[in-house]
Amino acid sequence: MTDHDRRGFLRTAALGLGATSMGGLLTSACSGRSGSNPPNILVLFTDDQRFDTIGALNCPEISTPNMDRLVRDGTSFTRAHIMGSNSGAVCIPSRAMLMTGASLFHLENNGSSIPEGQVTLPEVLRRNGYRTFFTGKWHSSKAAFARGFTDGGRIFFGGMSNHLKVPVFDFNPSGEYPNENRYLGNEFSGEMFSDDAIEFIENCPAEKPFFACLSYTAPHDPRMAPDAYTDLYPPGSISLPGNFMPEHPFDNGEMRIRDEALAPWPRTPGIVLQHLADYYAMISHVDAQIGRVLDALERSGRADDTCIIFTGDNGLAVGSHGLLGKQNLYDHSVRIPLVISGPGIRRGVRADGLCYLHDIFPTVCDLIDLPVPGSVESSSLAPLLKRRRARVRDSVFFAYKTFQRGIRTDDDWKLILYNVNGRRTTQLFNLADDPLEINNLAGDGEHSNRISELTQLLRDHMRAIDDPCDIDQPGWGVG
């Protein structure tokens, strides 16, 4: 496969969409804005939030009035996914893919660094007259951060911490962040980062459009929230996941990683319900912080000129399939919330086309009518925002380390392959009939042709993104 063919496969998923920006699709839609500048962009980015934890969409047991507000005001992508990870820290590549639009195996060091050749979204916007602001969790290199942002609040260069003692740096326009300048925040993480975003919105001059990214560390563990939020969820008042299991039925390669060790084996209903109660409390708390930011945007008079993107970096098992973490390819871990609202974007719409988190980069370029950089490999969601086009992709691909690979098609078939210590396992799910991925159809001879077809599609994706593994070899490839 040539570089040209590879990039075409990645951008279009065989749907024939061109590789250039589709900004013209949205130009007329954005013309209703009240200001003369391009729209502002506000990204609200949560950490470890499952796709099915928004009250208005899919979880009546959780209180998320501000996420619900975004759903009412925008377009919700109900089949948004991440691509996966080469390490247990799944959030690192997800965050790097969001910022670069690159695919998993084209990241440097699994996304922990971003080379200058991979231009980031804030770099593009900065070069085109935007003030670019960031506060919260940044999981890639400090050098890449400095290239992209003109402004910032408190920044956490890391993965996880106690939410009441987050080690942060104040934004430094020089781009220098020596360790001696790091200190512990004295507010709850979501409150601290929201305070900084609110201050930026309130004081940002209107002469230039802004790009503001508020990157929360919640609801990532440690599972802690203020009492007012934990009181909302007595464990006896919520339900176990429909795919709860005491233990995973086979070794998926990551049975004893840190995330899985947060509860003993076998899982019990009581332990899982407590984890879910604490998890929901954290989501409701971060929802309240999002509400504060949205209210500040309204007060600033710039809400009508702002596109808001709400999303997360990956999902989490929290008891589903006998797992707690995100180091797997089930929907609870690879699907994410994604809601886009703003000038010209359809309100209260649910778009069910398959998409990735890193499709956000070219979508933003289209919203403001900028060319998509050549280093971007993802597909714009403009067709789904502009009108009820069914899809921009036929399928999405998933990978975890060297021993899990998966594929999902637009008609809701999903194949997961495992190769753990020489043992191969196949799972086939019909998600239309079995959304909780309980009934493995791989052993049913009726589906042998489908498994062969999906396996070939998986090979095509792997070649297109330079996956170093080879599922036709006994060990699948590199370690």
Protein backbone atom coordinates (compact mmCIF):
# COMPACT_ATOMS: atom_id res chain seq x y z
CA MET A 1 0.00 0.00 0.00
CA THR A 2 1.49 3.34 -1.06
CA ASP A 3 1.54 6.36 1.26
CA HIS A 4 -1.15 7.96 -0.89
CA ASP A 5 -3.37 4.88 -0.71
CA ARG A 6 -2.77 4.54 3.01
CA ARG A 7 -3.75 8.12 3.73
CA GLY A 8 -6.84 7.77 1.58
CA PHE A 9 -7.90 4.65 3.48
CA LEU A 10 -7.41 6.37 6.81
CA ARG A 11 -9.25 9.54 5.87
CA THR A 12 -12.24 8.02 4.15
CA ALA A 13 -12.70 4.40 5.25
CA ALA A 14 -13.47 3.56 1.62
CA LEU A 15 -16.36 6.03 1.34
CA GLY A 16 -14.78 8.14 -1.38
CA LEU A 17 -14.57 11.42 0.52
CA GLY A 18 -11.84 13.74 -0.66
CA ALA A 19 -8.73 14.39 1.42
CA THR A 20 -9.15 18.15 1.33
CA SER A 21 -11.02 20.26 3.84
CA MET A 22 -14.81 20.20 3.64
CA GLY A 23 -15.10 23.65 5.15
CA GLY A 24 -17.47 24.81 2.46
CA LEU A 25 -20.09 22.42 3.80
CA LEU A 26 -20.35 24.45 6.97
CA THR A 27 -19.62 27.96 5.78
CA SER A 28 -23.26 28.86 5.25
CA ALA A 29 -24.23 27.22 8.52
CA CYS A 30 -21.77 29.35 10.43
CA SER A 31 -22.85 32.55 8.76
CA GLY A 32 -25.58 33.02 11.33
CA ARG A 33 -23.07 33.98 14.02
CA SER A 34 -23.40 37.38 15.60
CA GLY A 35 -19.72 38.31 15.30
CA SER A 36 -17.37 38.84 12.36
CA ASN A 37 -14.58 36.59 13.64
CA PRO A 38 -14.46 32.85 13.02
CA PRO A 39 -16.18 30.94 15.82
CA ASN A 40 -14.46 30.39 19.13
CA ILE A 41 -13.75 26.76 20.02
CA LEU A 42 -14.24 25.42 23.56
CA VAL A 43 -13.16 21.82 24.24
CA LEU A 44 -14.41 20.15 27.43
CA PHE A 45 -12.41 16.95 27.85
CA THR A 46 -13.09 14.43 30.62
CA ASP A 47 -10.87 11.56 31.78
CA ASP A 48 -12.06 7.91 31.80
CA GLN A 49 -15.72 8.73 31.12
CA ARG A 50 -17.77 5.92 29.56
CA PHE A 51 -20.03 6.73 26.63
CA ASP A 52 -23.10 5.60 28.59
CA THR A 53 -22.87 8.04 31.50
CA ILE A 54 -24.95 10.96 30.24
CA GLY A 55 -28.45 11.24 31.63
CA ALA A 56 -30.07 12.64 28.48
CA LEU A 57 -28.59 9.97 26.23
CA ASN A 58 -28.30 6.66 27.95
CA CYS A 59 -28.16 6.63 31.77
CA PRO A 60 -31.29 7.70 33.69
CA GLU A 61 -29.60 6.82 37.00
CA ILE A 62 -26.98 9.59 36.69
CA SER A 63 -27.45 13.34 37.17
CA THR A 64 -25.70 15.32 34.40
CA PRO A 65 -27.83 18.43 33.79
CA ASN A 66 -25.05 20.33 32.01
CA MET A 67 -23.99 17.50 29.74
CA ASP A 68 -27.71 17.10 29.06
CA ARG A 69 -27.78 20.79 28.17
CA LEU A 70 -25.05 20.23 25.59
CA VAL A 71 -26.96 17.26 24.16
CA ARG A 72 -30.08 19.41 23.76
CA ASP A 73 -28.10 22.20 22.12
CA GLY A 74 -26.00 20.12 19.73
CA THR A 75 -25.30 16.97 17.78
CA SER A 76 -24.38 13.84 19.76
CA PHE A 77 -22.20 11.23 18.09
CA THR A 78 -23.52 8.02 19.60
CA ARG A 79 -20.89 5.71 18.07
CA ALA A 80 -17.66 7.60 18.77
CA HIS A 81 -14.56 5.56 19.59
CA ILE A 82 -10.90 5.68 20.44
CA MET A 83 -8.41 3.64 18.41
CA GLY A 84 -6.54 2.09 21.35
CA SER A 85 -3.14 2.12 22.96
CA ASN A 86 0.30 0.53 23.01
CA SER A 87 0.46 0.82 26.80
CA GLY A 88 -1.76 0.53 29.84
CA ALA A 89 -2.00 4.35 29.94
CA VAL A 90 -4.70 4.43 27.28
CA CYS A 91 -5.27 8.15 27.77
CA ILE A 92 -1.81 9.10 26.44
CA PRO A 93 -2.36 8.14 22.78
CA SER A 94 -6.01 9.26 22.88
CA ARG A 95 -4.98 12.76 23.92
CA ALA A 96 -2.16 12.85 21.37
CA MET A 97 -4.48 11.64 18.59
CA LEU A 98 -7.00 14.38 19.47
CA MET A 99 -4.28 17.01 19.20
CA THR A 100 -2.59 15.65 16.04
CA GLY A 101 -5.26 13.80 14.09
CA ALA A 102 -2.69 11.02 13.64
CA SER A 103 -3.46 7.32 13.98
CA LEU A 104 -2.17 5.13 16.80
CA PHE A 105 0.90 3.62 15.17
CA HIS A 106 2.02 6.96 13.70
CA LEU A 107 2.40 8.49 17.16
CA GLU A 108 5.82 8.97 18.71
CA ASN A 109 6.35 7.01 21.95
CA ASN A 110 2.65 6.10 22.10
CA GLY A 111 1.84 9.82 22.09
CA SER A 112 3.97 10.82 25.06
CA SER A 113 5.85 13.14 22.69
CA ILE A 114 4.66 14.97 19.59
CA PRO A 115 7.38 15.76 17.00
CA GLU A 116 7.33 19.06 15.15
CA GLY A 117 6.33 17.26 11.95
CA GLN A 118 2.96 16.46 13.50
CA VAL A 119 1.36 19.86 13.66
CA THR A 120 -1.16 20.09 16.48
CA LEU A 121 -4.62 21.60 16.39
CA PRO A 122 -3.69 24.52 18.68
CA GLU A 123 -0.66 25.22 16.46
CA VAL A 124 -2.91 25.48 13.40
CA LEU A 125 -5.30 27.80 15.19
CA ARG A 126 -2.52 29.90 16.70
CA ARG A 127 -1.03 30.43 13.25
CA ASN A 128 -4.43 31.56 12.01
CA GLY A 129 -5.03 34.28 14.56
CA TYR A 130 -6.55 32.41 17.49
CA ARG A 131 -5.65 32.89 21.11
CA THR A 132 -5.06 29.35 22.32
CA PHE A 133 -5.64 28.46 25.97
CA PHE A 134 -5.17 25.26 27.96
CA THR A 135 -5.70 24.19 31.53
CA GLY A 136 -5.73 20.74 33.12
CA LYS A 137 -4.11 17.46 32.11
CA TRP A 138 -1.53 17.42 29.32
CA HIS A 139 -0.03 13.97 28.77
CA SER A 140 2.41 14.67 25.93
CA SER A 141 5.70 16.60 25.84
CA LYS A 142 6.13 20.06 27.31
CA ALA A 143 7.75 21.17 24.05
CA ALA A 144 4.62 20.28 22.06
CA PHE A 145 2.50 22.08 24.63
CA ALA A 146 4.61 25.24 24.30
CA ARG A 147 4.31 25.22 20.50
CA GLY A 148 0.54 25.26 20.66
CA PHE A 149 -0.65 27.61 23.37
CA THR A 150 -0.51 31.37 23.83
CA ASP A 151 -2.32 31.31 27.18
CA GLY A 152 -2.99 28.90 29.99
CA GLY A 153 -4.03 28.26 33.53
CA ARG A 154 -2.71 25.60 35.85
CA ILE A 155 -1.30 22.61 33.95
CA PHE A 156 -0.84 19.03 35.11
CA PHE A 157 1.89 17.32 33.10
CA GLY A 158 1.02 13.77 34.11
CA GLY A 159 -1.51 10.99 34.22
CA MET A 160 -3.27 10.75 37.59
CA SER A 161 -3.10 12.20 41.09
CA ASN A 162 -5.07 12.84 44.25
CA HIS A 163 -7.76 15.28 43.09
CA LEU A 164 -7.13 17.53 46.10
CA LYS A 165 -3.36 17.61 45.58
CA VAL A 166 -2.74 17.87 41.85
CA PRO A 167 0.91 18.75 41.03
CA VAL A 168 0.62 21.69 38.63
CA PHE A 169 2.58 24.41 36.90
CA ASP A 170 1.38 27.92 36.22
CA PHE A 171 1.35 28.67 32.50
CA ASN A 172 4.66 30.09 31.32
CA PRO A 173 4.67 31.85 27.92
CA SER A 174 8.37 31.06 27.58
CA GLY A 175 7.53 27.36 27.42
CA GLU A 176 9.91 26.51 30.27
CA TYR A 177 8.58 24.30 33.06
CA PRO A 178 11.43 23.37 35.43
CA ASN A 179 10.47 20.94 38.20
CA GLU A 180 11.17 23.50 40.91
CA ASN A 181 8.20 25.53 39.65
CA ARG A 182 5.74 22.72 40.28
CA TYR A 183 3.42 22.94 43.29
CA LEU A 184 0.32 21.22 44.67
CA GLY A 185 -3.06 22.71 43.91
CA ASN A 186 -5.28 23.37 46.92
CA GLU A 187 -8.69 22.95 45.24
CA PHE A 188 -10.47 19.91 43.87
CA SER A 189 -9.08 19.29 40.39
CA GLY A 190 -12.23 20.05 38.41
CA GLU A 191 -12.92 23.22 40.36
CA MET A 192 -9.35 24.46 39.94
CA PHE A 193 -9.21 23.93 36.20
CA SER A 194 -12.70 25.37 35.71
CA ASP A 195 -11.72 28.48 37.68
CA ASP A 196 -8.85 29.04 35.26
CA ALA A 197 -11.01 28.53 32.18
CA ILE A 198 -13.63 30.92 33.54
CA GLU A 199 -11.00 33.56 34.21
CA PHE A 200 -9.73 33.22 30.65
CA ILE A 201 -13.21 33.49 29.14
CA GLU A 202 -14.07 36.52 31.25
CA ASN A 203 -10.88 38.38 30.36
CA CYS A 204 -10.19 37.30 26.77
CA PRO A 205 -10.47 40.31 24.43
CA ALA A 206 -13.11 39.95 21.74
CA GLU A 207 -10.80 41.17 18.95
CA LYS A 208 -9.54 37.64 18.35
CA PRO A 209 -11.31 34.29 18.38
CA PHE A 210 -10.18 31.83 21.02
CA PHE A 211 -9.52 28.12 21.29
CA ALA A 212 -9.83 26.98 24.90
CA CYS A 213 -9.21 23.40 25.99
CA LEU A 214 -10.30 22.44 29.50
CA SER A 215 -8.81 19.01 30.16
CA TYR A 216 -10.25 17.53 33.34
CA THR A 217 -8.63 14.76 35.40
CA ALA A 218 -12.03 13.46 36.55
CA PRO A 219 -13.64 10.95 36.69
CA HIS A 220 -10.26 9.13 36.68
CA ASP A 221 -9.51 7.38 39.96
CA PRO A 222 -8.81 7.80 42.81
CA ARG A 223 -12.58 7.82 43.04
CA MET A 224 -13.31 10.82 45.22
CA ALA A 225 -15.89 13.58 45.09
CA PRO A 226 -17.29 16.16 47.52
CA ASP A 227 -19.86 14.75 49.93
CA ALA A 228 -22.75 16.56 48.24
CA TYR A 229 -22.13 14.40 45.16
CA THR A 230 -21.39 11.09 46.85
CA ASP A 231 -24.64 11.54 48.76
CA LEU A 232 -26.50 11.45 45.43
CA TYR A 233 -25.60 7.81 44.87
CA PRO A 234 -26.22 5.35 47.69
CA PRO A 235 -24.94 2.07 46.22
CA GLY A 236 -28.33 0.44 46.76
CA SER A 237 -30.00 3.01 44.51
CA ILE A 238 -28.12 2.15 41.31
CA SER A 239 -28.04 -0.90 39.07
CA LEU A 240 -25.30 -3.36 38.24
CA PRO A 241 -24.18 -3.31 34.60
CA GLY A 242 -26.14 -5.78 32.52
CA ASN A 243 -22.82 -7.39 31.57
CA PHE A 244 -21.51 -7.63 35.14
CA MET A 245 -19.36 -10.71 35.71
CA PRO A 246 -17.40 -11.78 38.79
CA GLU A 247 -14.39 -12.49 36.57
CA HIS A 248 -13.49 -12.21 32.91
CA PRO A 249 -14.02 -15.59 31.24
CA PHE A 250 -10.47 -15.90 29.91
CA ASP A 251 -7.06 -14.24 30.10
CA ASN A 252 -7.17 -11.14 27.89
CA GLY A 253 -3.50 -10.32 28.55
CA GLU A 254 -4.13 -7.61 31.18
CA MET A 255 -5.89 -9.35 34.04
CA ARG A 256 -3.67 -7.98 36.80
CA ILE A 257 -2.73 -4.47 35.64
CA ARG A 258 -3.05 -1.58 38.14
CA ASP A 259 -6.58 -0.65 37.08
CA GLU A 260 -7.79 -4.21 37.59
CA ALA A 261 -6.22 -4.40 41.06
CA LEU A 262 -8.51 -1.68 42.41
CA ALA A 263 -10.89 -4.41 43.61
CA PRO A 264 -10.34 -8.03 44.63
CA TRP A 265 -11.22 -11.09 42.56
CA PRO A 266 -13.82 -12.35 42.07
CA ARG A 267 -15.75 -9.09 41.82
CA THR A 268 -18.83 -8.96 44.01
CA PRO A 269 -22.01 -6.97 43.29
CA GLY A 270 -21.45 -4.90 46.44
CA ILE A 271 -17.92 -3.88 45.50
CA VAL A 272 -18.88 -3.02 41.92
CA LEU A 273 -21.89 -0.98 43.04
CA GLN A 274 -19.65 1.05 45.36
CA HIS A 275 -17.21 1.70 42.51
CA LEU A 276 -20.08 2.75 40.26
CA ALA A 277 -21.55 5.03 42.95
CA ASP A 278 -18.21 6.76 43.42
CA TYR A 279 -17.71 6.96 39.65
CA TYR A 280 -21.14 8.51 39.08
CA ALA A 281 -20.48 11.02 41.88
CA MET A 282 -17.30 12.16 40.17
CA ILE A 283 -19.11 12.53 36.85
CA SER A 284 -21.85 14.61 38.46
CA HIS A 285 -19.22 16.80 40.11
CA VAL A 286 -17.36 17.42 36.85
CA ASP A 287 -20.75 18.08 35.22
CA ALA A 288 -21.33 20.87 37.74
CA GLN A 289 -17.95 22.38 36.85
CA ILE A 290 -18.83 22.24 33.17
CA GLY A 291 -22.02 24.12 34.06
CA ARG A 292 -19.98 26.88 35.69
CA VAL A 293 -17.91 27.25 32.51
CA LEU A 294 -20.98 27.30 30.28
CA ASP A 295 -22.58 29.95 32.49
CA ALA A 296 -19.42 32.08 32.28
CA LEU A 297 -19.48 31.77 28.50
CA GLU A 298 -23.09 32.96 28.47
CA ARG A 299 -22.25 35.92 30.70
CA SER A 300 -19.38 36.90 28.42
CA GLY A 301 -21.76 37.43 25.52
CA ARG A 302 -19.73 35.06 23.31
CA ALA A 303 -21.79 31.89 23.62
CA ASP A 304 -23.52 32.44 20.28
CA ASP A 305 -20.12 32.66 18.61
CA THR A 306 -18.62 29.56 20.23
CA CYS A 307 -18.50 25.97 19.10
CA ILE A 308 -18.42 23.64 22.13
CA ILE A 309 -16.94 20.14 21.87
CA PHE A 310 -17.56 17.83 24.80
CA THR A 311 -15.75 14.48 24.78
CA GLY A 312 -13.58 12.05 26.76
CA ASP A 313 -10.29 10.25 26.29
CA ASN A 314 -11.53 6.65 26.79
CA GLY A 315 -14.14 4.62 28.60
CA LEU A 316 -13.89 2.28 31.58
CA ALA A 317 -15.22 -1.15 32.54
CA VAL A 318 -16.22 -0.50 36.19
CA GLY A 319 -17.46 -4.06 36.66
CA SER A 320 -18.55 -4.90 33.12
CA HIS A 321 -17.20 -8.25 31.89
CA GLY A 322 -15.50 -8.77 35.25
CA LEU A 323 -13.12 -5.87 34.51
CA LEU A 324 -12.53 -2.47 36.07
CA GLY A 325 -10.13 -0.72 33.70
CA LYS A 326 -9.89 0.45 30.10
CA GLN A 327 -7.23 -1.99 28.85
CA ASN A 328 -9.66 -3.91 26.64
CA LEU A 329 -11.63 -3.51 23.41
CA TYR A 330 -15.19 -3.85 24.67
CA ASP A 331 -17.54 -0.95 23.96
CA HIS A 332 -17.51 0.23 27.57
CA SER A 333 -13.79 0.99 27.16
CA VAL A 334 -13.37 2.08 23.51
CA ARG A 335 -16.54 4.15 23.13
CA ILE A 336 -16.61 7.74 24.35
CA PRO A 337 -19.06 10.62 24.70
CA LEU A 338 -18.86 13.18 21.89
CA VAL A 339 -21.24 16.14 21.58
CA ILE A 340 -20.67 19.18 19.36
CA SER A 341 -22.81 22.30 19.62
CA GLY A 342 -22.54 25.84 18.34
CA PRO A 343 -23.46 28.22 15.53
CA GLY A 344 -25.08 26.44 12.63
CA ILE A 345 -24.88 22.99 14.22
CA ARG A 346 -28.11 21.00 14.43
CA ARG A 347 -29.66 20.90 17.89
CA GLY A 348 -30.90 17.82 19.67
CA VAL A 349 -29.66 15.48 16.94
CA ARG A 350 -28.15 12.04 17.44
CA ALA A 351 -25.71 11.07 14.69
CA ASP A 352 -24.95 7.35 14.69
CA GLY A 353 -22.19 7.24 12.09
CA LEU A 354 -18.98 5.54 13.22
CA CYS A 355 -16.26 7.98 14.17
CA TYR A 356 -13.06 8.42 16.17
CA LEU A 357 -12.00 10.91 18.81
CA HIS A 358 -9.26 12.18 16.50
CA ASP A 359 -11.84 13.08 13.83
CA ILE A 360 -12.29 16.24 15.89
CA PHE A 361 -9.16 17.85 14.38
CA PRO A 362 -10.34 18.00 10.74
CA THR A 363 -13.86 18.79 11.92
CA VAL A 364 -12.62 21.92 13.70
CA CYS A 365 -10.72 22.92 10.56
CA ASP A 366 -13.95 22.64 8.62
CA LEU A 367 -15.90 24.63 11.18
CA ILE A 368 -13.59 27.59 10.59
CA ASP A 369 -12.86 26.88 6.91
CA LEU A 370 -9.14 26.10 7.24
CA PRO A 371 -7.22 23.50 5.19
CA VAL A 372 -6.54 20.23 6.98
CA PRO A 373 -2.78 19.74 7.52
CA GLY A 374 -1.19 16.90 5.59
CA SER A 375 -0.15 15.12 8.78
CA VAL A 376 -3.81 14.62 9.77
CA GLU A 377 -5.12 11.12 8.97
CA SER A 378 -8.65 11.30 10.34
CA SER A 379 -12.01 12.17 8.75
CA SER A 380 -14.08 15.29 9.19
CA LEU A 381 -17.50 14.90 10.77
CA ALA A 382 -18.81 17.89 8.81
CA PRO A 383 -21.23 15.76 6.75
CA LEU A 384 -22.90 14.52 9.92
CA LEU A 385 -23.06 17.99 11.45
CA LYS A 386 -24.45 19.64 8.35
CA ARG A 387 -27.12 17.12 7.41
CA ARG A 388 -28.27 13.61 8.16
CA ARG A 389 -25.60 11.85 6.19
CA ALA A 390 -25.46 8.31 7.48
CA ARG A 391 -21.69 7.93 7.87
CA VAL A 392 -18.16 9.02 7.11
CA ARG A 393 -16.68 5.57 7.84
CA ASP A 394 -17.62 1.98 7.04
CA SER A 395 -15.64 0.58 9.97
CA VAL A 396 -13.41 1.42 12.91
CA PHE A 397 -10.32 -0.43 14.14
CA PHE A 398 -9.09 -1.04 17.69
CA ALA A 399 -5.79 -2.21 19.14
CA TYR A 400 -4.40 -2.83 22.59
CA LYS A 401 -0.69 -3.58 22.92
CA THR A 402 0.38 -6.61 20.86
CA PHE A 403 -2.30 -9.05 21.94
CA GLN A 404 -5.75 -7.53 21.28
CA ARG A 405 -7.10 -6.41 17.91
CA GLY A 406 -10.64 -5.53 16.94
CA ILE A 407 -12.88 -4.23 14.17
CA ARG A 408 -16.43 -2.87 14.14
CA THR A 409 -18.51 -2.34 11.02
CA ASP A 410 -21.24 0.16 10.31
CA ASP A 411 -23.82 -2.64 10.39
CA ASP A 412 -22.86 -3.38 14.01
CA TRP A 413 -20.74 -6.49 13.73
CA LYS A 414 -17.70 -6.56 15.97
CA LEU A 415 -14.74 -8.94 15.96
CA ILE A 416 -12.11 -9.08 18.71
CA LEU A 417 -9.02 -11.28 18.40
CA TYR A 418 -6.69 -12.15 21.27
CA ASN A 419 -3.26 -13.78 21.27
CA VAL A 420 -2.11 -14.25 24.87
CA ASN A 421 0.84 -16.50 25.65
CA GLY A 422 0.25 -18.40 22.44
CA ARG A 423 -3.46 -18.93 23.08
CA ARG A 424 -5.77 -17.45 20.47
CA THR A 425 -9.33 -16.44 21.30
CA THR A 426 -11.98 -15.03 18.96
CA GLN A 427 -15.07 -13.06 19.90
CA LEU A 428 -17.83 -12.10 17.47
CA PHE A 429 -20.71 -9.90 18.58
CA ASN A 430 -23.82 -8.68 16.81
CA LEU A 431 -24.11 -5.33 18.57
CA ALA A 432 -27.54 -4.62 17.15
CA ASP A 433 -28.96 -7.60 19.06
CA ASP A 434 -26.35 -7.77 21.82
CA PRO A 435 -25.10 -4.26 22.70
CA LEU A 436 -23.63 -5.47 26.01
CA GLU A 437 -21.35 -7.95 24.20
CA ILE A 438 -22.46 -10.98 26.17
CA ASN A 439 -23.22 -13.58 23.47
CA ASN A 440 -20.03 -14.63 21.66
CA LEU A 441 -21.05 -16.00 18.24
CA ALA A 442 -17.55 -17.05 17.19
CA GLY A 443 -18.21 -20.72 17.92
CA ASP A 444 -21.28 -20.79 15.70
CA GLY A 445 -20.35 -22.29 12.33
CA GLU A 446 -23.05 -20.17 10.70
CA HIS A 447 -20.78 -17.14 11.08
CA SER A 448 -17.50 -18.56 9.75
CA ASN A 449 -17.69 -16.54 6.52
CA ARG A 450 -18.42 -13.36 8.46
CA ILE A 451 -15.41 -13.96 10.71
CA SER A 452 -13.23 -14.44 7.62
CA GLU A 453 -14.52 -11.21 6.06
CA LEU A 454 -14.03 -9.22 9.26
CA THR A 455 -10.55 -10.68 9.73
CA GLN A 456 -9.58 -9.53 6.24
CA LEU A 457 -10.98 -6.07 6.95
CA LEU A 458 -8.93 -6.05 10.15
CA ARG A 459 -5.79 -6.90 8.12
CA ASP A 460 -6.57 -4.00 5.76
CA HIS A 461 -6.78 -1.55 8.65
CA MET A 462 -3.60 -2.89 10.23
CA ARG A 463 -1.65 -2.44 6.99
CA ALA A 464 -3.06 1.05 6.48
CA ILE A 465 -1.88 2.32 9.86
CA ASP A 466 1.46 0.45 9.86
CA ASP A 467 0.49 -1.86 12.72
CA PRO A 468 3.69 -3.83 13.43
CA CYS A 469 1.73 -6.94 14.41
CA ASP A 470 0.78 -9.70 11.97
CA ILE A 471 -2.31 -11.63 13.07
CA ASP A 472 -1.36 -14.46 10.70
CA GLN A 473 1.85 -15.19 12.62
CA PRO A 474 1.90 -17.29 15.80
CA GLY A 475 3.19 -14.48 18.02
CA TRP A 476 1.51 -11.60 16.12
CA GLY A 477 4.73 -9.62 15.85
CA VAL A 478 6.78 -7.28 17.97
CA GLY A 479 6.66 -7.18 21.78
